[in-house]
C-alpha cells in the first residue's frame, strides 16, 4: 500500500492541475448543493425551464 501512496502524494504535491482542482472543489460542492435544492430540477430538463419564477426573473435581468 505504501508503494501506491508515495507516488500519488508526490504527484499531488507537484501537479498544478490537481492543486487547482483541489482549490475549486469547495466552490463546486456548494454550487451543486444549491442547484439540488431548486424545486422541480430534473437532470433531463433544461435548467431554464425548471428555475423558480422569481429566480428566472433575476436571470432575465
Foldseek 3Di string as FASTA:
>chain_A
DVVVPVVVVVCCVPPPVNVVVVVCVVVVVVVVVVLVPAPPDDPPDDVLVRHDPVVNVVVVD
